């Protein structure tokens, strides 16, 4: 065993010490690795940049809604928020947006605390939040005072890399959940319909089961 190990060490030692070689052969070996590294690095950088843009856009929508309160919000307002989001991110895949207004009610002694939905939308999502299923959302919300309210903005967008390669998983989504308290009014009134998004987007998401 020692004799074989010594032979292998001498073989590799001689190989690493040689300075002659073929530029063409070395280029053929190194170039694919070089292209792979550059492509992968750029794609990951672009993915983090796009993720940050999506998060900033969701915070922007949440902040804009939190400053309302004097007038009742309408479907036109919701569509404007959808448009703002799309302008802030790369518009290369369909965007889902769900806007909700949640109130917390502290239970009496021996009773459970509850969350109620004052209004909600579901642009691109299959379901809207109701008093029956809001507990699924409440598990992700911060602690709230009795009768306190929160504006909840949920967004989801498929990430489409600029460089399409077979090395990366293309099935990746940017999901954001942002919550903000109203700033200038104790309550934000709304006349949103459950689905405010364009009909073609709603049909597309329904067809794909999203």
Protein backbone atom coordinates (compact mmCIF):
# COMPACT_ATOMS: atom_id res chain seq x y z
CA UNK A 1 0.00 0.00 0.00
CA UNK A 2 2.87 2.37 0.89
CA UNK A 3 4.59 1.61 -2.45
CA UNK A 4 1.39 2.48 -4.40
CA UNK A 5 0.89 5.71 -2.42
CA UNK A 6 4.43 6.81 -3.11
CA UNK A 7 3.94 6.11 -6.82
CA UNK A 8 0.77 8.18 -6.95
CA UNK A 9 2.46 11.07 -5.12
CA UNK A 10 5.39 11.00 -7.56
CA UNK A 11 2.97 10.94 -10.52
CA UNK A 12 0.99 13.96 -9.34
CA UNK A 13 4.13 15.74 -8.23
CA UNK A 14 5.60 15.42 -11.68
CA UNK A 15 2.32 16.54 -13.29
CA UNK A 16 1.99 19.68 -11.16
CA UNK A 17 5.61 20.58 -11.75
CA UNK A 18 5.32 20.55 -15.54
CA UNK A 19 5.04 23.95 -17.25
CA UNK A 20 4.27 22.84 -20.79
CA UNK A 21 0.68 22.43 -22.02
CA UNK A 22 -1.84 23.14 -24.76
CA UNK A 23 -3.66 26.49 -24.67
CA UNK A 24 -6.48 25.10 -26.76
CA UNK A 25 -7.02 22.12 -24.47
CA UNK A 26 -6.90 24.25 -21.34
CA UNK A 27 -9.34 26.77 -22.85
CA UNK A 28 -11.80 24.02 -23.70
CA UNK A 29 -11.66 22.80 -20.10
CA UNK A 30 -11.79 26.18 -18.37
CA UNK A 31 -14.17 28.16 -20.61
CA UNK A 32 -17.38 26.22 -19.73
CA UNK A 33 -16.57 26.55 -16.02
CA UNK A 34 -15.94 30.27 -16.49
CA UNK A 35 -19.25 30.79 -18.33
CA UNK A 36 -21.11 28.74 -15.70
CA UNK A 37 -19.64 30.80 -12.85
CA UNK A 38 -20.43 34.16 -14.48
CA UNK A 39 -23.97 33.12 -15.41
CA UNK A 40 -24.71 31.70 -11.98
CA UNK A 41 -23.29 34.75 -10.18
CA UNK A 42 -25.28 37.20 -12.32
CA UNK A 43 -28.49 35.21 -11.96
CA UNK A 44 -28.20 35.06 -8.18
CA UNK A 45 -27.42 38.79 -8.04
CA UNK A 46 -30.44 39.53 -10.23
CA UNK A 47 -32.63 37.29 -8.04
CA UNK A 48 -31.68 39.14 -4.85
CA UNK A 49 -32.19 42.49 -6.60
CA UNK A 50 -35.64 41.45 -7.79
CA UNK A 51 -36.55 40.12 -4.35
CA UNK A 52 -35.59 43.47 -2.79
CA UNK A 53 -37.63 45.36 -5.39
CA UNK A 54 -40.69 43.20 -4.65
CA UNK A 55 -40.34 43.76 -0.91
CA UNK A 56 -39.95 47.54 -1.32
CA UNK A 57 -42.98 47.66 -3.60
CA UNK A 58 -45.10 45.77 -1.06
CA UNK A 59 -44.03 48.17 1.70
CA UNK A 60 -44.88 51.11 -0.56
CA UNK A 61 -48.42 49.84 -1.18
CA UNK A 62 -48.92 49.18 2.52
CA UNK A 63 -47.64 52.64 3.44
CA UNK A 64 -49.88 54.37 0.90
CA UNK A 65 -53.00 52.61 2.19
CA UNK A 66 -52.08 53.39 5.80
CA UNK A 67 -52.21 57.13 4.99
CA UNK A 68 -55.81 56.97 3.79
CA UNK A 69 -58.95 57.27 5.89
CA UNK A 70 -60.78 60.44 4.90
CA UNK A 71 -62.54 58.90 1.89
CA UNK A 72 -63.78 55.40 1.15
CA UNK A 73 -61.38 53.31 -0.92
CA UNK A 74 -62.72 51.92 -4.18
CA UNK A 75 -61.77 49.35 -6.81
CA UNK A 76 -60.07 52.13 -8.80
CA UNK A 77 -57.81 52.75 -5.82
CA UNK A 78 -56.97 49.04 -5.55
CA UNK A 79 -56.15 48.94 -9.26
CA UNK A 80 -53.86 51.94 -8.80
CA UNK A 81 -52.00 50.05 -6.03
CA UNK A 82 -51.67 47.09 -8.38
CA UNK A 83 -50.30 49.41 -11.06
CA UNK A 84 -47.81 50.98 -8.62
CA UNK A 85 -46.50 47.57 -7.68
CA UNK A 86 -46.04 46.52 -11.30
CA UNK A 87 -44.18 49.73 -12.10
CA UNK A 88 -41.76 49.16 -9.24
CA UNK A 89 -40.85 45.59 -10.19
CA UNK A 90 -39.92 43.91 -13.46
CA UNK A 91 -43.18 43.14 -15.20
CA UNK A 92 -42.26 39.73 -16.64
CA UNK A 93 -44.75 37.55 -14.75
CA UNK A 94 -48.25 37.89 -13.32
CA UNK A 95 -48.51 39.53 -9.92
CA UNK A 96 -50.92 38.42 -7.20
CA UNK A 97 -52.04 40.95 -4.62
CA UNK A 98 -54.37 40.55 -1.65
CA UNK A 99 -55.26 43.59 0.44
CA UNK A 100 -56.97 43.08 3.79
CA UNK A 101 -58.01 45.08 6.83
CA UNK A 102 -58.02 43.03 10.04
CA UNK A 103 -59.37 43.88 13.50
CA UNK A 104 -58.39 42.13 16.73
CA UNK A 105 -60.94 41.53 19.48
CA UNK A 106 -59.63 40.41 22.86
CA UNK A 107 -61.77 37.67 24.34
CA UNK A 108 -63.36 37.96 27.77
CA UNK A 109 -62.06 35.83 30.60
CA UNK A 110 -62.26 32.19 29.54
CA UNK A 111 -62.90 33.10 25.88
CA UNK A 112 -60.50 33.04 22.94
CA UNK A 113 -59.22 36.13 21.20
CA UNK A 114 -60.56 36.59 17.68
CA UNK A 115 -59.65 38.38 14.47
CA UNK A 116 -62.30 39.73 12.11
CA UNK A 117 -62.00 40.82 8.48
CA UNK A 118 -63.36 44.31 7.85
CA UNK A 119 -62.60 44.16 4.13
CA UNK A 120 -60.41 42.14 1.79
CA UNK A 121 -59.53 41.57 -1.86
CA UNK A 122 -57.99 38.67 -3.78
CA UNK A 123 -56.41 39.76 -7.04
CA UNK A 124 -54.94 36.55 -8.44
CA UNK A 125 -55.52 34.52 -5.25
CA UNK A 126 -58.17 31.81 -5.25
CA UNK A 127 -59.62 32.78 -1.88
CA UNK A 128 -60.22 35.93 0.13
CA UNK A 129 -59.90 36.10 3.90
CA UNK A 130 -63.10 35.75 5.92
CA UNK A 131 -63.92 35.52 9.61
CA UNK A 132 -63.98 31.73 9.16
CA UNK A 133 -60.46 31.29 7.76
CA UNK A 134 -58.63 34.39 9.00
CA UNK A 135 -56.98 32.35 11.76
CA UNK A 136 -54.55 31.05 9.13
CA UNK A 137 -53.45 34.63 8.50
CA UNK A 138 -53.59 35.65 12.18
CA UNK A 139 -50.87 33.13 12.99
CA UNK A 140 -48.42 35.33 11.03
CA UNK A 141 -49.52 38.67 12.51
CA UNK A 142 -47.93 40.47 15.47
CA UNK A 143 -49.62 40.87 18.84
CA UNK A 144 -52.37 43.49 18.76
CA UNK A 145 -54.23 45.51 21.37
CA UNK A 146 -57.96 45.08 21.84
CA UNK A 147 -59.93 46.55 18.88
CA UNK A 148 -56.67 47.43 17.14
CA UNK A 149 -56.56 47.15 13.32
CA UNK A 150 -53.93 46.22 10.77
CA UNK A 151 -53.61 46.71 7.03
CA UNK A 152 -52.25 43.51 5.53
CA UNK A 153 -50.68 43.45 2.05
CA UNK A 154 -49.85 40.06 0.54
CA UNK A 155 -48.08 39.74 -2.78
CA UNK A 156 -46.77 36.82 -4.81
CA UNK A 157 -44.79 36.89 -8.03
CA UNK A 158 -42.96 34.24 -10.03
CA UNK A 159 -39.27 34.93 -10.51
CA UNK A 160 -38.22 34.72 -14.16
CA UNK A 161 -34.39 34.88 -14.52
CA UNK A 162 -32.99 37.14 -17.23
CA UNK A 163 -30.60 34.36 -18.22
CA UNK A 164 -32.48 31.11 -18.72
CA UNK A 165 -30.19 28.22 -17.85
CA UNK A 166 -30.78 24.61 -16.95
CA UNK A 167 -28.72 24.94 -13.75
CA UNK A 168 -31.27 26.80 -11.64
CA UNK A 169 -34.71 25.95 -10.34
CA UNK A 170 -37.17 28.15 -12.26
CA UNK A 171 -40.08 27.40 -9.92
CA UNK A 172 -39.42 30.18 -7.44
CA UNK A 173 -41.84 32.78 -6.09
CA UNK A 174 -41.35 36.02 -4.21
CA UNK A 175 -43.98 36.01 -1.45
CA UNK A 176 -44.37 39.02 0.82
CA UNK A 177 -46.58 39.65 3.86
CA UNK A 178 -46.56 43.26 5.07
CA UNK A 179 -48.70 44.71 7.87
CA UNK A 180 -49.12 48.35 8.86
CA UNK A 181 -51.36 50.25 11.28
CA UNK A 182 -53.52 53.14 9.97
CA UNK A 183 -51.70 56.43 10.47
CA UNK A 184 -54.24 59.24 10.39
CA UNK A 185 -57.64 57.63 10.97
CA UNK A 186 -58.96 55.04 13.43
CA UNK A 187 -60.57 53.11 10.59
CA UNK A 188 -60.13 52.87 6.83
CA UNK A 189 -63.39 52.41 4.96
CA UNK A 190 -63.48 50.50 1.69
CA UNK A 191 -65.88 49.52 -1.04
CA UNK A 192 -63.55 46.98 -2.63
CA UNK A 193 -65.06 44.09 -4.55
CA UNK A 194 -63.50 40.70 -3.72
CA UNK A 195 -61.67 40.63 -7.06
CA UNK A 196 -60.44 43.94 -8.44
CA UNK A 197 -57.78 42.78 -10.91
CA UNK A 198 -58.16 42.72 -14.70
CA UNK A 199 -60.27 39.85 -15.97
CA UNK A 200 -57.47 38.36 -18.08
CA UNK A 201 -55.22 37.99 -15.01
CA UNK A 202 -58.01 36.45 -12.95
CA UNK A 203 -58.76 33.96 -15.73
CA UNK A 204 -55.08 33.06 -16.12
CA UNK A 205 -54.61 32.32 -12.44
CA UNK A 206 -57.85 30.37 -12.26
CA UNK A 207 -56.76 28.23 -15.20
CA UNK A 208 -53.42 27.38 -13.57
CA UNK A 209 -55.01 26.72 -10.18
CA UNK A 210 -52.91 29.42 -8.51
